[in-house]
Amino acid sequence: MCAMTDVSSTIEAPTDALPDPKPRRSRWAIAAASLLAAGFVLILLASVKVPYLATSPGPVLEVQGIVEVEDVPSFASEGELFLLTISRGSDPLTIFEWFEAWRDPSVDLVKRELVVPEGTTSDERRRRNLEVMQSSQQLAIAVALDRLGYDISVVGNGAYISEVTGGGPADGIVLPDDIIVGFDGAPVEFVQDLIDAVRAAEIGGTITVTIDRADELEDLVLTLGESPTEPGVPLIGVMLTDAGARFEFPIDVTIDAGSIGGPSAGMMLSLAVYNRLTEEDITRGHRVAGTGSLTAEGGVQRIGGIRQKVVGAIGIGAEYILVPEGDFAAAAEEAGDDIDVIAVGTFDDALSFFDTLSPV
């Protein structure tokens, strides 16, 4: 007889050879814990701020459409004039935002302290930029009207009190940030007007100054003292600077730039005003972008964010970009062969460029 063998014992693995389920569960637990920890780290990193701001290309605006002229004929244009902007917030970047900006070749990173002084809030910076834009618009109108032969008057806003001398004649009567706009009934437009009026008065004499305090006018009476450094010279006892000036134009010109702030649109705004009042279209049908702040004499000054503004001009298909002379090298490097870069030092240089254009 043949011996019978129990084959069941040959196919059953020994108990100690079976895989232990516990290590597998441990590996899954470790992986889950690692993912959870990574998630917490990412959340923490997303809230960590770094002291940098990102400068990127901003909106591009056709400027002739935002200029309105009354009282005199105005003219349409076949071409287009574009102002260029940058986008840059006031709040520090998170680490993730910093990394994304670092990866983008059209974005520049800048230390926040170089843009937003310590102690300045985002709202204060925004308000200041809008104020600067208002001033830039006034300069733009003034330069354009001057080139067109209009007479323009400059009116001062008064004498701004930056400091009151302790124990002096004005101590306890006027305050820092007051603006003196009148002296004994006569207007005060600039600091020199007030100096002349005070020096023409007598030491110990009683005078009346009209001040603008928080946009409300008030008459204050004080007695003139004597200068401790210039015997015989009367004084009020305040430190003064000009409170700014405004232009008075012979025609009504308004510019609506919306929420755009800063001074760098001055040249393009002035060109837009000039073109609206000129029967011969200076654009000759071309698409021209540009940037540069203006001085009262018509000088074109350097601006920030030139690389981003070149990118913006290329993006809207402009044929030319006008830039301040000091920004030409950086603009030309960014432009490559994608757009013609034109350096201008003055408003008149810009007008001369348009004279070279052939009609489209």
Protein backbone atom coordinates (compact mmCIF):
# COMPACT_ATOMS: atom_id res chain seq x y z
CA MET A 1 0.00 0.00 0.00
CA CYS A 2 1.09 3.47 -0.69
CA ALA A 3 1.46 5.80 2.26
CA MET A 4 -0.90 8.78 2.25
CA THR A 5 0.56 12.28 2.82
CA ASP A 6 -1.44 15.19 4.31
CA VAL A 7 -0.87 17.94 1.71
CA SER A 8 -2.63 20.57 3.78
CA SER A 9 0.48 21.02 5.84
CA THR A 10 2.53 21.76 2.73
CA ILE A 11 0.43 24.73 1.59
CA GLU A 12 -0.09 26.46 4.92
CA ALA A 13 2.57 29.00 5.71
CA PRO A 14 3.97 29.04 9.18
CA THR A 15 2.29 31.52 11.44
CA ASP A 16 5.50 33.46 11.96
CA ALA A 17 5.89 33.88 8.17
CA LEU A 18 2.64 35.80 7.70
CA PRO A 19 2.97 39.60 7.14
CA ASP A 20 2.28 41.65 10.25
CA PRO A 21 -0.58 44.10 9.54
CA LYS A 22 0.64 46.53 12.20
CA PRO A 23 3.64 47.91 10.26
CA ARG A 24 1.41 48.69 7.26
CA ARG A 25 -1.01 50.63 9.41
CA SER A 26 1.95 52.49 10.90
CA ARG A 27 3.22 53.53 7.50
CA TRP A 28 -0.19 54.94 6.57
CA ALA A 29 -0.36 56.77 9.87
CA ILE A 30 3.10 58.23 9.38
CA ALA A 31 2.20 59.37 5.85
CA ALA A 32 -1.04 60.96 7.04
CA ALA A 33 0.75 62.68 9.90
CA SER A 34 3.40 63.95 7.51
CA LEU A 35 0.76 65.36 5.18
CA LEU A 36 -1.04 66.98 8.10
CA ALA A 37 2.19 68.51 9.34
CA ALA A 38 3.00 69.75 5.84
CA GLY A 39 -0.45 71.32 5.67
CA PHE A 40 0.12 73.14 8.93
CA VAL A 41 3.49 74.37 7.66
CA LEU A 42 1.89 75.64 4.45
CA ILE A 43 -0.80 77.44 6.43
CA LEU A 44 1.84 79.02 8.62
CA LEU A 45 3.92 80.05 5.60
CA ALA A 46 0.86 81.56 3.94
CA SER A 47 0.52 83.93 6.90
CA VAL A 48 4.20 84.82 7.22
CA LYS A 49 4.95 88.26 5.78
CA VAL A 50 8.23 89.44 4.24
CA PRO A 51 9.19 93.15 3.95
CA TYR A 52 8.85 93.30 0.17
CA LEU A 53 6.39 94.63 -2.40
CA ALA A 54 5.87 93.37 -5.96
CA THR A 55 5.90 95.79 -8.88
CA SER A 56 3.98 94.43 -11.87
CA PRO A 57 2.50 95.90 -15.09
CA GLY A 58 -0.64 97.88 -14.33
CA PRO A 59 -3.65 99.09 -16.32
CA VAL A 60 -3.10 101.03 -19.56
CA LEU A 61 -5.44 103.96 -20.21
CA GLU A 62 -6.18 105.87 -23.43
CA VAL A 63 -5.92 109.45 -22.22
CA GLN A 64 -7.66 111.52 -24.89
CA GLY A 65 -10.97 110.04 -23.82
CA ILE A 66 -10.58 111.29 -20.24
CA VAL A 67 -9.94 114.94 -21.18
CA GLU A 68 -12.95 117.27 -21.38
CA VAL A 69 -12.73 120.81 -22.76
CA GLU A 70 -15.37 123.54 -22.51
CA ASP A 71 -15.69 127.09 -23.85
CA VAL A 72 -13.50 126.48 -26.92
CA PRO A 73 -13.53 124.04 -29.85
CA SER A 74 -11.93 120.63 -29.26
CA PHE A 75 -10.93 118.00 -31.79
CA ALA A 76 -11.02 114.22 -32.05
CA SER A 77 -7.98 112.10 -32.82
CA GLU A 78 -7.48 109.28 -35.30
CA GLY A 79 -4.68 107.78 -33.26
CA GLU A 80 -4.39 106.92 -29.59
CA LEU A 81 -2.29 108.12 -26.66
CA PHE A 82 -1.81 105.77 -23.72
CA LEU A 83 -0.63 106.39 -20.19
CA LEU A 84 1.11 103.48 -18.47
CA THR A 85 0.88 102.41 -14.87
CA ILE A 86 2.26 99.85 -12.46
CA SER A 87 0.46 97.73 -9.90
CA ARG A 88 2.01 97.66 -6.45
CA GLY A 89 0.23 97.16 -3.17
CA SER A 90 1.21 98.60 0.19
CA ASP A 91 0.95 95.47 2.32
CA PRO A 92 3.99 93.18 2.74
CA LEU A 93 3.99 90.01 0.64
CA THR A 94 3.50 86.56 2.05
CA ILE A 95 6.27 84.06 1.37
CA PHE A 96 4.11 82.42 -1.32
CA GLU A 97 3.41 85.79 -2.99
CA TRP A 98 7.11 86.63 -2.85
CA PHE A 99 8.00 83.34 -4.54
CA GLU A 100 5.41 83.82 -7.29
CA ALA A 101 6.68 87.34 -7.93
CA TRP A 102 10.28 86.11 -7.99
CA ARG A 103 9.36 83.56 -10.68
CA ASP A 104 7.65 86.14 -12.93
CA PRO A 105 10.17 87.95 -15.20
CA SER A 106 7.83 90.95 -15.61
CA VAL A 107 7.70 91.58 -11.85
CA ASP A 108 10.28 93.36 -9.71
CA LEU A 109 10.61 92.99 -5.95
CA VAL A 110 11.39 96.08 -3.89
CA LYS A 111 11.90 96.57 -0.16
CA ARG A 112 8.73 98.00 1.34
CA GLU A 113 10.59 100.64 3.37
CA LEU A 114 11.78 102.24 0.12
CA VAL A 115 8.18 102.78 -1.03
CA VAL A 116 6.14 103.11 2.15
CA PRO A 117 7.94 105.09 4.88
CA GLU A 118 7.75 103.68 8.39
CA GLY A 119 4.58 104.75 10.14
CA THR A 120 2.68 105.39 6.90
CA THR A 121 -0.55 103.46 6.42
CA SER A 122 -1.84 102.08 3.12
CA ASP A 123 -4.73 104.56 3.16
CA GLU A 124 -2.36 107.48 3.72
CA ARG A 125 -0.15 106.37 0.83
CA ARG A 126 -3.17 105.93 -1.45
CA ARG A 127 -4.49 109.37 -0.53
CA ARG A 128 -1.09 110.91 -1.09
CA ASN A 129 -0.80 109.30 -4.54
CA LEU A 130 -4.20 110.69 -5.53
CA GLU A 131 -3.17 114.14 -4.34
CA VAL A 132 0.01 113.90 -6.40
CA MET A 133 -2.06 112.88 -9.43
CA GLN A 134 -4.26 115.95 -8.98
CA SER A 135 -1.16 118.15 -8.94
CA SER A 136 0.18 116.30 -11.98
CA GLN A 137 -3.05 116.98 -13.87
CA GLN A 138 -2.85 120.68 -13.12
CA LEU A 139 0.75 120.80 -14.35
CA ALA A 140 -0.21 118.86 -17.47
CA ILE A 141 -2.96 121.33 -18.33
CA ALA A 142 -0.71 124.30 -17.58
CA VAL A 143 2.13 123.09 -19.82
CA ALA A 144 -0.21 122.27 -22.71
CA LEU A 145 -2.04 125.60 -22.52
CA ASP A 146 1.24 127.49 -22.25
CA ARG A 147 2.51 125.85 -25.46
CA LEU A 148 -0.75 126.80 -27.15
CA GLY A 149 -0.30 130.46 -26.22
CA TYR A 150 -2.81 130.82 -23.39
CA ASP A 151 -2.12 133.12 -20.42
CA ILE A 152 -1.99 131.23 -17.13
CA SER A 153 -2.03 132.65 -13.60
CA VAL A 154 -0.41 130.99 -10.60
CA VAL A 155 -2.19 131.48 -7.26
CA GLY A 156 -0.58 130.50 -3.95
CA ASN A 157 -2.51 128.62 -1.28
CA GLY A 158 -1.06 130.57 1.64
CA ALA A 159 1.75 130.24 4.21
CA TYR A 160 1.81 126.87 5.98
CA ILE A 161 2.80 126.88 9.68
CA SER A 162 5.12 123.96 10.33
CA GLU A 163 6.12 125.01 13.85
CA VAL A 164 5.11 127.59 16.46
CA THR A 165 7.90 129.10 18.58
CA GLY A 166 7.30 128.52 22.26
CA GLY A 167 6.80 131.78 24.13
CA GLY A 168 6.54 133.75 20.89
CA PRO A 169 3.74 136.14 19.86
CA ALA A 170 1.78 133.37 18.10
CA ASP A 171 2.17 130.76 20.86
CA GLY A 172 -1.25 129.58 22.01
CA ILE A 173 -3.01 131.45 19.21
CA VAL A 174 -2.09 129.68 15.99
CA LEU A 175 -1.26 126.00 15.64
CA PRO A 176 1.02 123.83 13.53
CA ASP A 177 -0.75 122.85 10.27
CA ASP A 178 -2.65 126.16 10.19
CA ILE A 179 -2.36 128.00 6.88
CA ILE A 180 -2.20 131.79 6.96
CA VAL A 181 -4.21 133.10 4.02
CA GLY A 182 -4.69 136.74 5.08
CA PHE A 183 -2.93 139.58 6.96
CA ASP A 184 -5.03 142.55 8.09
CA GLY A 185 -7.53 141.83 5.34
CA ALA A 186 -4.98 141.49 2.52
CA PRO A 187 -4.56 138.06 0.89
CA VAL A 188 -1.48 135.96 1.62
CA GLU A 189 -0.64 133.59 -1.23
CA PHE A 190 2.99 132.80 -0.49
CA VAL A 191 5.34 133.01 2.49
CA GLN A 192 7.04 136.04 1.01
CA ASP A 193 3.71 137.92 1.02
CA LEU A 194 3.46 137.37 4.77
CA ILE A 195 7.10 138.29 5.42
CA ASP A 196 6.68 141.56 3.51
CA ALA A 197 3.49 142.41 5.42
CA VAL A 198 4.99 141.65 8.84
CA ARG A 199 8.15 143.65 8.18
CA ALA A 200 6.07 146.62 7.10
CA ALA A 201 4.23 146.58 10.46
CA GLU A 202 5.46 147.81 13.86
CA ILE A 203 6.84 145.84 16.77
CA GLY A 204 4.20 145.73 19.48
CA GLY A 205 1.45 146.45 16.98
CA THR A 206 -1.74 144.38 16.91
CA ILE A 207 -2.48 142.55 13.67
CA THR A 208 -5.12 140.12 12.43
CA VAL A 209 -4.20 136.95 10.55
CA THR A 210 -6.77 134.90 8.68
CA ILE A 211 -6.04 131.22 8.95
CA ASP A 212 -7.35 128.13 7.25
CA ARG A 213 -7.69 125.47 9.93
CA ALA A 214 -9.11 122.14 8.70
CA ASP A 215 -10.78 123.94 5.76
CA GLU A 216 -12.46 126.54 7.96
CA LEU A 217 -11.44 130.21 7.98
CA GLU A 218 -10.85 132.07 11.24
CA ASP A 219 -9.53 135.54 12.11
CA LEU A 220 -7.00 135.62 14.97
CA VAL A 221 -5.51 138.68 16.65
CA LEU A 222 -1.93 138.75 17.92
CA THR A 223 0.74 141.26 18.87
CA LEU A 224 3.97 141.37 16.90
CA GLY A 225 7.19 140.68 18.74
CA GLU A 226 10.82 141.50 17.95
CA SER A 227 13.27 139.16 16.33
CA PRO A 228 15.95 138.00 18.80
CA THR A 229 18.51 137.75 16.01
CA GLU A 230 17.54 140.86 14.03
CA PRO A 231 16.90 143.79 16.36
CA GLY A 232 14.18 146.11 15.11
CA VAL A 233 12.57 143.45 12.91
CA PRO A 234 9.01 142.41 13.87
CA LEU A 235 7.98 138.76 13.90
CA ILE A 236 5.05 136.43 14.54
CA GLY A 237 7.08 133.53 15.90
CA VAL A 238 6.33 130.71 13.47
CA MET A 239 8.18 128.53 10.97
CA LEU A 240 6.65 128.76 7.52
CA THR A 241 6.64 127.12 4.11
CA ASP A 242 4.54 127.75 1.04
CA ALA A 243 1.27 125.82 1.21
CA GLY A 244 1.44 125.03 -2.49
CA ALA A 245 -0.06 126.75 -5.47
CA ARG A 246 -2.80 126.31 -8.01
CA PHE A 247 -3.24 127.46 -11.55
CA GLU A 248 -6.01 129.62 -12.90
CA PHE A 249 -6.77 128.70 -16.49
CA PRO A 250 -8.55 130.87 -19.06
CA ILE A 251 -10.56 127.86 -20.31
CA ASP A 252 -12.21 124.94 -18.54
CA VAL A 253 -10.22 121.71 -18.91
CA THR A 254 -10.91 118.66 -16.75
CA ILE A 255 -9.20 115.28 -16.56
CA ASP A 256 -10.82 112.19 -15.07
CA ALA A 257 -8.11 109.63 -14.30
CA GLY A 258 -10.26 107.64 -11.88
CA SER A 259 -8.30 105.87 -9.15
CA ILE A 260 -4.91 106.17 -10.86
CA GLY A 261 -2.41 107.94 -8.63
CA GLY A 262 1.13 109.29 -8.77
CA PRO A 263 2.91 111.84 -10.97
CA SER A 264 4.21 109.75 -13.88
CA ALA A 265 1.23 110.31 -16.20
CA GLY A 266 1.98 114.04 -16.52
CA MET A 267 3.56 114.06 -19.96
CA MET A 268 0.90 111.89 -21.60
CA LEU A 269 -1.92 113.88 -20.01
CA SER A 270 -0.38 117.10 -21.28
CA LEU A 271 -0.07 115.65 -24.79
CA ALA A 272 -3.72 114.63 -24.64
CA VAL A 273 -4.83 118.14 -23.63
CA TYR A 274 -2.63 119.65 -26.34
CA ASN A 275 -4.04 117.32 -28.99
CA ARG A 276 -7.67 117.93 -27.97
CA LEU A 277 -7.12 121.66 -28.52
CA THR A 278 -5.14 121.33 -31.76
CA GLU A 279 -6.98 120.96 -35.05
CA GLU A 280 -4.09 119.05 -36.62
CA ASP A 281 -3.97 115.60 -35.01
CA ILE A 282 -0.46 115.10 -33.65
CA THR A 283 -0.88 111.30 -33.52
CA ARG A 284 -1.45 111.06 -37.30
CA GLY A 285 -3.31 107.83 -36.64
CA HIS A 286 -0.56 106.08 -34.63
CA ARG A 287 -0.77 104.29 -31.28
CA VAL A 288 1.72 105.92 -28.90
CA ALA A 289 2.25 105.09 -25.23
CA GLY A 290 4.41 106.98 -22.79
CA THR A 291 5.39 107.84 -19.25
CA GLY A 292 7.16 110.66 -17.43
CA SER A 293 6.33 113.29 -14.84
CA LEU A 294 6.32 116.97 -15.82
CA THR A 295 7.83 120.05 -14.23
CA ALA A 296 6.17 123.45 -14.49
CA GLU A 297 8.75 124.37 -17.14
CA GLY A 298 7.87 121.30 -19.24
CA GLY A 299 10.77 119.08 -18.26
CA VAL A 300 10.20 115.31 -18.33
CA GLN A 301 11.52 113.57 -15.24
CA ARG A 302 12.43 109.96 -14.53
CA ILE A 303 9.84 107.59 -13.12
CA GLY A 304 9.68 104.19 -11.42
CA GLY A 305 8.61 100.84 -12.85
CA ILE A 306 9.93 101.47 -16.36
CA ARG A 307 10.26 97.74 -17.17
CA GLN A 308 6.65 97.07 -16.23
CA LYS A 309 5.46 100.04 -18.25
CA VAL A 310 7.29 98.82 -21.34
CA VAL A 311 5.60 95.44 -20.87
CA GLY A 312 2.24 97.23 -20.64
CA ALA A 313 2.88 99.24 -23.82
CA ILE A 314 3.82 96.10 -25.74
CA GLY A 315 0.75 94.33 -24.40
CA ILE A 316 -1.70 96.84 -25.91
CA GLY A 317 0.11 96.90 -29.25
CA ALA A 318 1.55 100.43 -29.11
CA GLU A 319 3.99 101.27 -31.89
CA TYR A 320 6.09 103.66 -29.81
CA ILE A 321 6.77 104.36 -26.16
CA LEU A 322 8.00 107.77 -25.00
CA VAL A 323 10.23 107.62 -21.90
CA PRO A 324 12.35 110.09 -19.92
CA GLU A 325 15.95 110.27 -21.09
CA GLY A 326 17.20 108.84 -17.81
CA ASP A 327 15.05 105.73 -18.24
CA PHE A 328 15.92 105.08 -21.88
CA ALA A 329 18.59 102.40 -21.38
CA ALA A 330 16.43 100.24 -19.11
CA ALA A 331 13.39 100.71 -21.35
CA ALA A 332 15.29 99.82 -24.51
CA GLU A 333 16.70 96.67 -22.92
CA GLU A 334 13.23 95.51 -21.91
CA ALA A 335 11.65 96.46 -25.25
CA GLY A 336 14.05 94.56 -27.50
CA ASP A 337 12.53 94.56 -30.99
CA ASP A 338 8.92 94.58 -29.76
CA ILE A 339 8.43 98.37 -29.65
CA ASP A 340 10.32 101.54 -30.60
CA VAL A 341 11.55 103.45 -27.53
CA ILE A 342 11.83 107.24 -27.84
CA ALA A 343 13.79 109.24 -25.26
CA VAL A 344 12.44 112.71 -24.42
CA GLY A 345 13.85 115.33 -22.09
CA THR A 346 11.08 117.90 -22.40
CA PHE A 347 7.48 118.24 -23.50
CA ASP A 348 8.76 120.02 -26.61
CA ASP A 349 10.92 116.97 -27.43
CA ALA A 350 7.76 114.87 -27.39
CA LEU A 351 6.01 117.29 -29.75
CA SER A 352 9.03 117.17 -32.06
CA PHE A 353 8.78 113.37 -32.18
CA PHE A 354 5.16 113.54 -33.32
CA ASP A 355 6.24 115.89 -36.11
CA THR A 356 8.32 113.03 -37.54
CA LEU A 357 5.37 110.65 -37.89
CA SER A 358 3.85 109.98 -41.26
CA PRO A 359 0.03 109.73 -41.51
CA VAL A 360 -1.29 106.18 -41.29
